[in-house]
Amino acid sequence: MSHRMGHRISTTITAPTVAFMTLAVALMVFFLAPGPAAGQAFWREDAPKIPMAPTWLAEKALLPPYSPPRTPEGVPDLQGVWGDPGGDGLSYLEDHEYVDITTPAQETFVSDPPDGKVPYTPWAMARRNEILAGLGRGWPGESDQRLYASPGSYCLYYMPDFSFEEVEIIQQSGTVIMLGATGYRVIPTDGRAPVSENAKFWYGISRGRWEGDTLVVEVTNLNGKGWFDSTGHFFSENTRMIERWKLADANTIDYEVTIEDPTIYARPWKINFPKRRPGTGPQASGVRIPSAVTAGAPRFEDPYAGEYWEVACYEGNAPSAASLRALGFQWFRGITPPP
């Protein structure tokens, strides 16, 4: 089951539960796959590949220059609710074909390097492949070994996952506030000094500044215990993330994050995708579930399209974590690069 599905489910996982879920999935796929109802729950194998970084780079290159509205402080006004990248989100960071009903074919999130791959050093690539092989789900590149489950399976949230989810942006003088379903960020833009590098956090420490029309946010002090996706693409406590938030038009934020860490990456690399206002963009349809769009579900007006909802992953997560441990999975405690 994908990293994203793990965020949404808050039920105790037992052997009977797994058996029942497997049967339910099989029945729903058999009976519902041809129609729109199935698309609201699962992804169809014949769904077209979902666009991410390559498509957005091509689309962005054709956009005319945009002059954003300003706050009374004179900086670009980014306020409002902004959606996630759509598709299956961060289940699989790099380009991939259809995996299963939770993970459709999707383009890579990586915009640089041009090959769409995370540029690990040889040592770090070997560690990533070791993690991938030990996920025990039967996906490509995995074995029957059980090593780690995705940190998201334990209802843990971290950077840059927060920025990939729906967020509401509120601006005050010298501060940008981002509210999400899994937490919040208060980003000073007043030039204050960073905190000690010895302090480590799941979200790290964010410090912002304005460069022209772009909000630049440097994220440091990460604890290095999160993944970029559910397949073991990791970072470390040495990683620095530099986010760039810029209005590409009235309804679209061009979101880019550069990841720097010479201890595990051969070079800096980037993720890039659009964050859109609810109900806008080429895939807008008035539905909350992206798979329903792919399956051709009928349009309807969603009264909650302008809101983000709490991700109720915390209720019952202790028994779920115990079940993962009983299956042989370990808690991912981060990667220590060699000296």
Protein backbone atom coordinates (compact mmCIF):
# COMPACT_ATOMS: atom_id res chain seq x y z
CA MET A 1 0.00 0.00 0.00
CA SER A 2 1.30 3.41 -0.90
CA HIS A 3 2.76 6.06 1.36
CA ARG A 4 -0.18 8.33 0.54
CA MET A 5 -2.74 5.70 1.47
CA GLY A 6 -0.87 5.21 4.72
CA HIS A 7 -1.52 8.88 5.50
CA ARG A 8 -5.25 8.49 5.03
CA ILE A 9 -6.00 5.28 6.92
CA SER A 10 -6.22 5.18 10.72
CA THR A 11 -7.31 1.64 11.48
CA THR A 12 -5.77 -1.17 13.49
CA ILE A 13 -3.98 -3.55 11.13
CA THR A 14 -4.41 -7.18 12.15
CA ALA A 15 -4.22 -10.39 10.14
CA PRO A 16 -8.04 -10.63 9.82
CA THR A 17 -8.16 -6.95 8.90
CA VAL A 18 -5.57 -7.43 6.15
CA ALA A 19 -7.46 -10.46 4.81
CA PHE A 20 -10.74 -8.55 4.79
CA MET A 21 -9.16 -5.51 3.11
CA THR A 22 -7.60 -7.73 0.46
CA LEU A 23 -10.95 -9.37 -0.28
CA ALA A 24 -12.73 -6.00 -0.31
CA VAL A 25 -10.20 -4.53 -2.72
CA ALA A 26 -10.48 -7.52 -5.02
CA LEU A 27 -14.28 -7.34 -5.06
CA MET A 28 -14.33 -3.58 -5.65
CA VAL A 29 -11.84 -3.83 -8.47
CA PHE A 30 -13.79 -6.68 -10.08
CA PHE A 31 -17.19 -5.07 -9.82
CA LEU A 32 -16.42 -1.34 -9.93
CA ALA A 33 -13.30 -0.84 -12.03
CA PRO A 34 -15.11 -0.03 -15.31
CA GLY A 35 -17.23 2.77 -13.84
CA PRO A 36 -16.67 6.17 -12.20
CA ALA A 37 -17.38 4.84 -8.72
CA ALA A 38 -14.21 2.77 -8.80
CA GLY A 39 -12.16 5.81 -9.76
CA GLN A 40 -13.20 7.48 -6.52
CA ALA A 41 -11.44 4.74 -4.57
CA PHE A 42 -8.71 3.28 -6.76
CA TRP A 43 -6.62 4.01 -9.85
CA ARG A 44 -7.37 2.18 -13.08
CA GLU A 45 -4.53 0.50 -14.93
CA ASP A 46 -5.50 2.16 -18.19
CA ALA A 47 -5.40 5.69 -16.73
CA PRO A 48 -3.01 7.98 -18.66
CA LYS A 49 0.33 8.79 -17.03
CA ILE A 50 -0.13 11.63 -14.55
CA PRO A 51 1.87 14.78 -15.40
CA MET A 52 4.42 16.12 -12.95
CA ALA A 53 7.75 17.97 -13.40
CA PRO A 54 8.40 17.46 -17.16
CA THR A 55 4.91 18.58 -18.13
CA TRP A 56 4.99 21.53 -15.74
CA LEU A 57 8.38 22.70 -17.03
CA ALA A 58 7.01 22.72 -20.60
CA GLU A 59 3.79 24.47 -19.54
CA LYS A 60 5.61 27.05 -17.44
CA ALA A 61 7.94 27.97 -20.30
CA LEU A 62 4.93 29.14 -22.34
CA LEU A 63 3.36 31.32 -19.64
CA PRO A 64 3.49 35.09 -20.10
CA PRO A 65 5.16 37.24 -17.42
CA TYR A 66 2.92 37.77 -14.40
CA SER A 67 2.88 40.71 -12.02
CA PRO A 68 1.40 39.48 -8.71
CA PRO A 69 -0.84 41.48 -6.37
CA ARG A 70 0.90 42.96 -3.33
CA THR A 71 0.23 43.02 0.38
CA PRO A 72 0.28 46.36 2.25
CA GLU A 73 3.89 45.45 3.09
CA GLY A 74 4.69 45.57 -0.63
CA VAL A 75 5.53 41.88 -1.11
CA PRO A 76 3.66 39.42 -3.37
CA ASP A 77 0.33 38.30 -1.95
CA LEU A 78 0.40 34.48 -1.79
CA GLN A 79 -2.54 34.20 0.56
CA GLY A 80 -5.22 31.60 0.05
CA VAL A 81 -5.60 27.82 -0.13
CA TRP A 82 -3.26 25.95 -2.47
CA GLY A 83 -3.66 22.35 -3.50
CA ASP A 84 -1.29 19.41 -3.60
CA PRO A 85 0.41 18.28 -6.84
CA GLY A 86 -2.45 15.89 -7.60
CA GLY A 87 -2.04 12.37 -8.88
CA ASP A 88 -0.78 9.90 -6.33
CA GLY A 89 1.43 12.47 -4.68
CA LEU A 90 4.62 11.22 -3.11
CA SER A 91 4.11 7.46 -3.26
CA TYR A 92 6.86 7.18 -5.86
CA LEU A 93 9.18 10.15 -6.45
CA GLU A 94 10.68 9.16 -9.82
CA ASP A 95 8.98 8.35 -13.13
CA HIS A 96 7.16 5.01 -13.01
CA GLU A 97 4.51 2.97 -14.77
CA TYR A 98 1.38 1.55 -13.15
CA VAL A 99 2.28 -0.39 -9.99
CA ASP A 100 -1.07 -1.28 -8.39
CA ILE A 101 -4.49 0.24 -7.73
CA THR A 102 -3.01 2.68 -5.20
CA THR A 103 -0.11 3.80 -7.41
CA PRO A 104 -0.81 4.79 -11.02
CA ALA A 105 1.68 5.65 -13.76
CA GLN A 106 3.13 9.06 -13.01
CA GLU A 107 5.92 11.33 -14.27
CA THR A 108 8.88 12.15 -12.08
CA PHE A 109 8.82 14.98 -9.55
CA VAL A 110 12.52 15.61 -10.20
CA SER A 111 13.03 18.54 -12.55
CA ASP A 112 16.83 18.61 -12.35
CA PRO A 113 18.90 16.59 -13.26
CA PRO A 114 17.17 16.26 -16.65
CA ASP A 115 16.99 12.45 -16.36
CA GLY A 116 14.52 12.84 -13.48
CA LYS A 117 16.62 10.72 -11.10
CA VAL A 118 17.87 11.54 -7.60
CA PRO A 119 21.68 11.93 -7.99
CA TYR A 120 22.89 9.80 -5.10
CA THR A 121 26.55 9.11 -4.48
CA PRO A 122 27.41 5.42 -5.07
CA TRP A 123 27.34 4.71 -1.33
CA ALA A 124 23.98 6.38 -0.83
CA MET A 125 22.49 4.64 -3.89
CA ALA A 126 23.47 1.29 -2.41
CA ARG A 127 21.72 2.24 0.86
CA ARG A 128 18.62 3.42 -0.99
CA ASN A 129 18.45 0.14 -2.94
CA GLU A 130 18.86 -1.79 0.30
CA ILE A 131 15.90 0.07 1.79
CA LEU A 132 13.85 -0.42 -1.38
CA ALA A 133 14.52 -4.16 -1.41
CA GLY A 134 13.39 -4.45 2.21
CA LEU A 135 9.97 -2.82 1.89
CA GLY A 136 8.33 -6.22 1.38
CA ARG A 137 5.36 -5.07 -0.73
CA GLY A 138 6.09 -6.92 -3.95
CA TRP A 139 6.74 -3.71 -5.90
CA PRO A 140 9.51 -3.52 -8.54
CA GLY A 141 12.97 -3.74 -6.96
CA GLU A 142 11.69 -5.22 -3.70
CA SER A 143 12.37 -8.62 -2.20
CA ASP A 144 10.56 -10.63 0.47
CA GLN A 145 12.78 -9.06 3.11
CA ARG A 146 11.11 -6.70 5.57
CA LEU A 147 13.40 -3.90 6.71
CA TYR A 148 11.62 -0.55 6.97
CA ALA A 149 8.09 0.65 6.47
CA SER A 150 7.58 4.16 5.17
CA PRO A 151 7.81 6.67 8.06
CA GLY A 152 4.45 7.95 6.84
CA SER A 153 2.93 4.61 7.83
CA TYR A 154 3.51 5.62 11.46
CA CYS A 155 1.61 8.89 10.96
CA LEU A 156 4.83 10.91 10.97
CA TYR A 157 5.05 14.14 9.00
CA TYR A 158 8.16 16.01 7.91
CA MET A 159 9.67 18.16 5.20
CA PRO A 160 9.16 18.44 2.32
CA ASP A 161 5.91 16.44 2.62
CA PHE A 162 4.20 19.37 4.34
CA SER A 163 4.65 21.57 1.27
CA PHE A 164 3.33 18.84 -1.00
CA GLU A 165 -0.01 18.75 0.83
CA GLU A 166 -2.78 21.33 0.62
CA VAL A 167 -1.80 24.45 2.57
CA GLU A 168 -3.38 27.76 3.45
CA ILE A 169 -1.00 30.71 3.36
CA ILE A 170 -1.51 33.71 5.64
CA GLN A 171 0.86 36.69 5.52
CA GLN A 172 1.65 39.19 8.24
CA SER A 173 4.38 41.78 8.44
CA GLY A 174 7.69 39.92 8.57
CA THR A 175 6.03 36.49 8.66
CA VAL A 176 4.49 33.90 6.35
CA ILE A 177 2.25 31.32 8.03
CA MET A 178 1.41 28.02 6.34
CA LEU A 179 -1.43 25.93 7.73
CA GLY A 180 -1.88 22.33 6.66
CA ALA A 181 -3.83 19.24 7.57
CA THR A 182 -0.79 17.75 9.31
CA GLY A 183 0.63 20.80 11.08
CA TYR A 184 1.74 24.37 10.47
CA ARG A 185 4.83 26.44 9.72
CA VAL A 186 5.64 29.96 10.90
CA ILE A 187 8.30 31.32 8.54
CA PRO A 188 10.02 34.56 9.61
CA THR A 189 11.04 36.86 6.76
CA ASP A 190 12.59 39.52 8.99
CA GLY A 191 16.19 38.34 8.72
CA ARG A 192 16.43 36.80 12.17
CA ALA A 193 19.40 34.55 12.95
CA PRO A 194 19.18 30.75 12.65
CA VAL A 195 19.07 28.51 15.71
CA SER A 196 21.85 26.16 16.79
CA GLU A 197 22.60 23.42 14.27
CA ASN A 198 22.44 20.92 17.14
CA ALA A 199 18.64 21.29 17.34
CA LYS A 200 16.92 18.86 14.95
CA PHE A 201 13.24 18.70 14.01
CA TRP A 202 10.90 16.78 11.70
CA TYR A 203 10.01 20.02 9.87
CA GLY A 204 13.42 21.56 10.45
CA ILE A 205 13.79 25.30 10.92
CA SER A 206 12.52 27.62 8.17
CA ARG A 207 13.87 31.10 7.44
CA GLY A 208 12.36 33.10 4.59
CA ARG A 209 13.29 36.08 2.47
CA TRP A 210 11.91 37.78 -0.61
CA GLU A 211 13.93 37.77 -3.82
CA GLY A 212 11.90 39.91 -6.22
CA ASP A 213 8.53 38.17 -6.58
CA THR A 214 9.75 34.88 -5.08
CA LEU A 215 9.46 33.74 -1.47
CA VAL A 216 12.68 31.84 -0.75
CA VAL A 217 12.59 29.56 2.30
CA GLU A 218 15.72 27.84 3.56
CA VAL A 219 14.99 24.74 5.63
CA THR A 220 17.78 23.49 7.89
CA ASN A 221 18.01 21.56 11.19
CA LEU A 222 16.20 18.51 9.80
CA ASN A 223 16.35 15.32 11.85
CA GLY A 224 16.82 13.23 8.69
CA LYS A 225 14.26 10.59 9.68
CA GLY A 226 11.81 11.18 6.84
CA TRP A 227 11.63 10.00 3.23
CA PHE A 228 10.67 11.81 0.04
CA ASP A 229 8.32 8.96 -0.91
CA SER A 230 7.35 5.43 0.12
CA THR A 231 10.19 3.74 -1.79
CA GLY A 232 13.08 4.80 0.44
CA HIS A 233 14.35 8.00 -1.20
CA PHE A 234 15.98 9.48 1.88
CA PHE A 235 17.76 12.60 3.05
CA SER A 236 19.94 13.11 6.12
CA GLU A 237 20.30 15.50 9.03
CA ASN A 238 22.91 17.30 6.90
CA THR A 239 20.38 18.08 4.16
CA ARG A 240 19.36 21.65 3.35
CA MET A 241 16.20 22.37 1.36
CA ILE A 242 15.68 25.71 -0.41
CA GLU A 243 12.06 26.28 -1.37
CA ARG A 244 10.91 28.85 -3.92
CA TRP A 245 7.26 29.93 -3.96
CA LYS A 246 6.28 32.20 -6.86
CA LEU A 247 2.95 33.06 -8.45
CA ALA A 248 3.01 31.91 -12.07
CA ASP A 249 -0.49 33.32 -12.62
CA ALA A 250 -3.43 34.36 -10.44
CA ASN A 251 -4.31 30.75 -9.57
CA THR A 252 -0.99 28.92 -9.68
CA ILE A 253 2.10 28.86 -7.47
CA ASP A 254 5.27 27.59 -9.09
CA TYR A 255 6.73 25.49 -6.27
CA GLU A 256 10.36 24.47 -6.51
CA VAL A 257 12.61 22.94 -3.87
CA THR A 258 16.35 22.46 -4.25
CA ILE A 259 17.92 19.69 -2.13
CA GLU A 260 21.57 20.05 -1.13
CA ASP A 261 23.62 17.50 0.80
CA PRO A 262 27.12 16.60 -0.46
CA THR A 263 27.32 13.76 2.09
CA ILE A 264 24.76 11.68 0.13
CA TYR A 265 24.09 13.45 -3.21
CA ALA A 266 26.57 13.88 -6.06
CA ARG A 267 25.09 17.31 -6.82
CA PRO A 268 22.16 19.53 -5.78
CA TRP A 269 18.84 18.49 -7.34
CA LYS A 270 15.37 19.95 -7.71
CA ILE A 271 11.68 19.08 -7.47
CA ASN A 272 9.20 21.31 -9.32
CA PHE A 273 5.41 21.24 -9.73
CA PRO A 274 2.44 23.64 -9.63
CA LYS A 275 0.23 24.25 -6.60
CA ARG A 276 -3.17 25.51 -7.74
CA ARG A 277 -6.15 27.14 -6.13
CA PRO A 278 -9.03 24.68 -5.64
CA GLY A 279 -11.20 24.31 -8.72
CA THR A 280 -8.59 25.65 -11.16
CA GLY A 281 -6.05 24.13 -13.51
CA PRO A 282 -6.27 21.68 -16.41
CA GLN A 283 -7.57 18.81 -14.25
CA ALA A 284 -10.13 20.82 -12.29
CA SER A 285 -13.44 19.00 -11.99
CA GLY A 286 -15.01 19.95 -8.68
CA VAL A 287 -14.09 16.65 -7.02
CA ARG A 288 -11.70 16.16 -4.13
CA ILE A 289 -10.24 12.80 -5.18
CA PRO A 290 -7.83 13.01 -8.14
CA SER A 291 -8.52 9.40 -9.18
CA ALA A 292 -12.15 10.32 -9.80
CA VAL A 293 -10.92 12.85 -12.35
CA THR A 294 -8.95 10.17 -14.16
CA ALA A 295 -11.91 7.80 -14.17
CA GLY A 296 -14.20 10.43 -15.67
CA ALA A 297 -16.44 10.90 -12.65
CA PRO A 298 -19.22 13.46 -13.25
CA ARG A 299 -18.57 17.04 -12.22
CA PHE A 300 -20.25 18.51 -9.17
CA GLU A 301 -19.82 21.56 -7.01
CA ASP A 302 -17.86 20.70 -3.89
CA PRO A 303 -18.83 23.06 -1.04
CA TYR A 304 -15.58 22.17 0.75
CA ALA A 305 -13.22 22.74 -2.18
CA GLY A 306 -11.75 25.83 -0.50
CA GLU A 307 -10.95 23.98 2.72
CA TYR A 308 -8.32 21.46 3.76
CA TRP A 309 -9.32 18.68 6.12
CA GLU A 310 -7.43 17.10 8.99
CA VAL A 311 -5.62 13.91 8.10
CA ALA A 312 -7.02 11.57 10.75
CA CYS A 313 -4.02 9.28 10.93
CA TYR A 314 -3.42 9.60 14.66
CA GLU A 315 -6.46 7.66 15.92
CA GLY A 316 -5.43 4.05 16.42
CA ASN A 317 -1.92 4.53 15.11
CA ALA A 318 -0.30 2.79 18.10
CA PRO A 319 -1.83 -0.64 17.29
CA SER A 320 -0.99 -0.08 13.61
CA ALA A 321 2.63 0.61 14.50
CA ALA A 322 2.70 -2.50 16.69
CA SER A 323 1.37 -4.55 13.77
CA LEU A 324 4.13 -3.23 11.50
CA ARG A 325 6.72 -4.21 14.08
CA ALA A 326 5.13 -7.66 14.42
CA LEU A 327 5.54 -8.10 10.65
CA GLY A 328 9.28 -7.51 11.05
CA PHE A 329 9.57 -3.86 10.03
CA GLN A 330 11.98 -1.61 11.90
CA TRP A 331 11.67 2.07 12.76
CA PHE A 332 13.71 4.14 10.29
CA ARG A 333 16.11 6.16 12.42
CA GLY A 334 17.94 8.02 9.71
CA ILE A 335 21.08 7.53 7.64
CA THR A 336 24.57 8.31 8.90
CA PRO A 337 26.87 8.95 5.93
CA PRO A 338 30.37 7.47 6.15
CA PRO A 339 33.16 9.86 7.23
